[in-house]
């Protein structure tokens, strides 16, 4: 079965009580953080002529509630 198109909170609310609703809520919960490279790179790193050491990325999780708010939820609502 194809996943229904959900463009708004109203679209989502129309699916309340279905597996699709539960799956989409799980998707929204999973979007609350993202990984960001926080390594510090010297000027001109990774450009032609750079001859310094290779710097490995340093990944950190940061909170990103853009999808949560896009669908009219708060973080607290989803964590209850």
C-alpha atoms as a PDB file:
ATOM      1  CA  UNK A   1       0.000   0.000   0.000  1.00  0.00           C
ATOM      2  CA  UNK A   2       1.231   3.476  -0.850  1.00  0.00           C
ATOM      3  CA  UNK A   3       1.775   5.903   1.988  1.00  0.00           C
ATOM      4  CA  UNK A   4      -0.939   8.619   1.902  1.00  0.00           C
ATOM      5  CA  UNK A   5       0.062  12.147   1.036  1.00  0.00           C
ATOM      6  CA  UNK A   6       0.241  14.222   4.204  1.00  0.00           C
ATOM      7  CA  UNK A   7       0.836  17.914   3.559  1.00  0.00           C
ATOM      8  CA  UNK A   8      -0.760  19.406   6.659  1.00  0.00           C
ATOM      9  CA  UNK A   9      -1.946  18.721  10.172  1.00  0.00           C
ATOM     10  CA  UNK A  10      -5.470  18.403   8.769  1.00  0.00           C
ATOM     11  CA  UNK A  11      -4.317  15.638   6.395  1.00  0.00           C
ATOM     12  CA  UNK A  12      -2.712  13.865   9.330  1.00  0.00           C
ATOM     13  CA  UNK A  13      -5.695  14.306  11.651  1.00  0.00           C
ATOM     14  CA  UNK A  14      -7.920  12.724   8.992  1.00  0.00           C
ATOM     15  CA  UNK A  15      -5.885   9.520   9.462  1.00  0.00           C
ATOM     16  CA  UNK A  16      -6.231   9.365  13.275  1.00  0.00           C
ATOM     17  CA  UNK A  17      -6.656   5.823  14.515  1.00  0.00           C
ATOM     18  CA  UNK A  18      -4.901   4.251  11.506  1.00  0.00           C
ATOM     19  CA  UNK A  19      -1.510   2.627  11.173  1.00  0.00           C
ATOM     20  CA  UNK A  20      -0.551   5.376   8.715  1.00  0.00           C
ATOM     21  CA  UNK A  21      -1.180   7.964  11.432  1.00  0.00           C
ATOM     22  CA  UNK A  22       0.971   6.063  13.932  1.00  0.00           C
ATOM     23  CA  UNK A  23       3.734   5.590  11.344  1.00  0.00           C
ATOM     24  CA  UNK A  24       3.767   9.292  10.487  1.00  0.00           C
ATOM     25  CA  UNK A  25       3.899  10.298  14.160  1.00  0.00           C
ATOM     26  CA  UNK A  26       6.932   7.987  14.508  1.00  0.00           C
ATOM     27  CA  UNK A  27       8.479   9.699  11.458  1.00  0.00           C
ATOM     28  CA  UNK A  28       7.905  13.133  13.019  1.00  0.00           C
ATOM     29  CA  UNK A  29       9.422  11.985  16.316  1.00  0.00           C
ATOM     30  CA  UNK A  30      12.450  10.661  14.447  1.00  0.00           C
ATOM     31  CA  UNK A  31      12.979  14.039  12.801  1.00  0.00           C
ATOM     32  CA  UNK A  32      13.492  15.919  16.076  1.00  0.00           C
ATOM     33  CA  UNK A  33      17.272  15.599  15.917  1.00  0.00           C
ATOM     34  CA  UNK A  34      19.802  15.647  13.122  1.00  0.00           C
ATOM     35  CA  UNK A  35      23.532  15.046  12.907  1.00  0.00           C
ATOM     36  CA  UNK A  36      25.818  17.989  12.178  1.00  0.00           C
ATOM     37  CA  UNK A  37      29.529  18.041  11.524  1.00  0.00           C
ATOM     38  CA  UNK A  38      31.016  20.332  14.187  1.00  0.00           C
ATOM     39  CA  UNK A  39      34.688  19.841  13.311  1.00  0.00           C
ATOM     40  CA  UNK A  40      36.685  23.031  12.952  1.00  0.00           C
ATOM     41  CA  UNK A  41      38.399  23.335   9.581  1.00  0.00           C
ATOM     42  CA  UNK A  42      41.144  25.773   8.629  1.00  0.00           C
ATOM     43  CA  UNK A  43      40.514  28.375   5.965  1.00  0.00           C
ATOM     44  CA  UNK A  44      40.668  26.926   2.427  1.00  0.00           C
ATOM     45  CA  UNK A  45      40.338  23.363   3.734  1.00  0.00           C
ATOM     46  CA  UNK A  46      39.404  20.924   0.990  1.00  0.00           C
ATOM     47  CA  UNK A  47      40.221  23.419  -1.755  1.00  0.00           C
ATOM     48  CA  UNK A  48      42.852  23.258  -4.446  1.00  0.00           C
ATOM     49  CA  UNK A  49      46.270  23.980  -2.999  1.00  0.00           C
ATOM     50  CA  UNK A  50      45.457  22.983   0.592  1.00  0.00           C
ATOM     51  CA  UNK A  51      48.305  20.808   1.864  1.00  0.00           C
ATOM     52  CA  UNK A  52      47.486  20.544   5.568  1.00  0.00           C
ATOM     53  CA  UNK A  53      46.295  17.490   7.450  1.00  0.00           C
ATOM     54  CA  UNK A  54      43.027  15.736   6.728  1.00  0.00           C
ATOM     55  CA  UNK A  55      40.469  16.465   9.426  1.00  0.00           C
ATOM     56  CA  UNK A  56      37.891  13.831  10.277  1.00  0.00           C
ATOM     57  CA  UNK A  57      34.303  14.969  10.814  1.00  0.00           C
ATOM     58  CA  UNK A  58      33.037  15.266  14.364  1.00  0.00           C
ATOM     59  CA  UNK A  59      29.332  14.420  14.424  1.00  0.00           C
ATOM     60  CA  UNK A  60      26.985  15.858  17.029  1.00  0.00           C
ATOM     61  CA  UNK A  61      23.232  15.527  17.375  1.00  0.00           C
ATOM     62  CA  UNK A  62      21.323  18.795  17.453  1.00  0.00           C
ATOM     63  CA  UNK A  63      17.656  19.378  18.053  1.00  0.00           C
ATOM     64  CA  UNK A  64      15.685  20.400  14.963  1.00  0.00           C
ATOM     65  CA  UNK A  65      11.969  20.865  15.504  1.00  0.00           C
ATOM     66  CA  UNK A  66      11.199  22.238  12.031  1.00  0.00           C
ATOM     67  CA  UNK A  67       9.164  19.204  10.941  1.00  0.00           C
ATOM     68  CA  UNK A  68       7.433  19.011  14.323  1.00  0.00           C
ATOM     69  CA  UNK A  69       6.301  22.637  14.110  1.00  0.00           C
ATOM     70  CA  UNK A  70       5.496  22.301  10.398  1.00  0.00           C
ATOM     71  CA  UNK A  71       2.737  19.862  11.362  1.00  0.00           C
ATOM     72  CA  UNK A  72       1.513  21.953  14.307  1.00  0.00           C
ATOM     73  CA  UNK A  73       2.949  19.893  17.158  1.00  0.00           C
ATOM     74  CA  UNK A  74       5.191  20.750  20.054  1.00  0.00           C
ATOM     75  CA  UNK A  75       8.030  18.583  21.271  1.00  0.00           C
ATOM     76  CA  UNK A  76       6.207  17.948  24.543  1.00  0.00           C
ATOM     77  CA  UNK A  77       3.078  16.709  22.746  1.00  0.00           C
ATOM     78  CA  UNK A  78       5.053  14.089  20.877  1.00  0.00           C
ATOM     79  CA  UNK A  79       7.040  12.915  23.892  1.00  0.00           C
ATOM     80  CA  UNK A  80       3.967  12.323  26.080  1.00  0.00           C
END
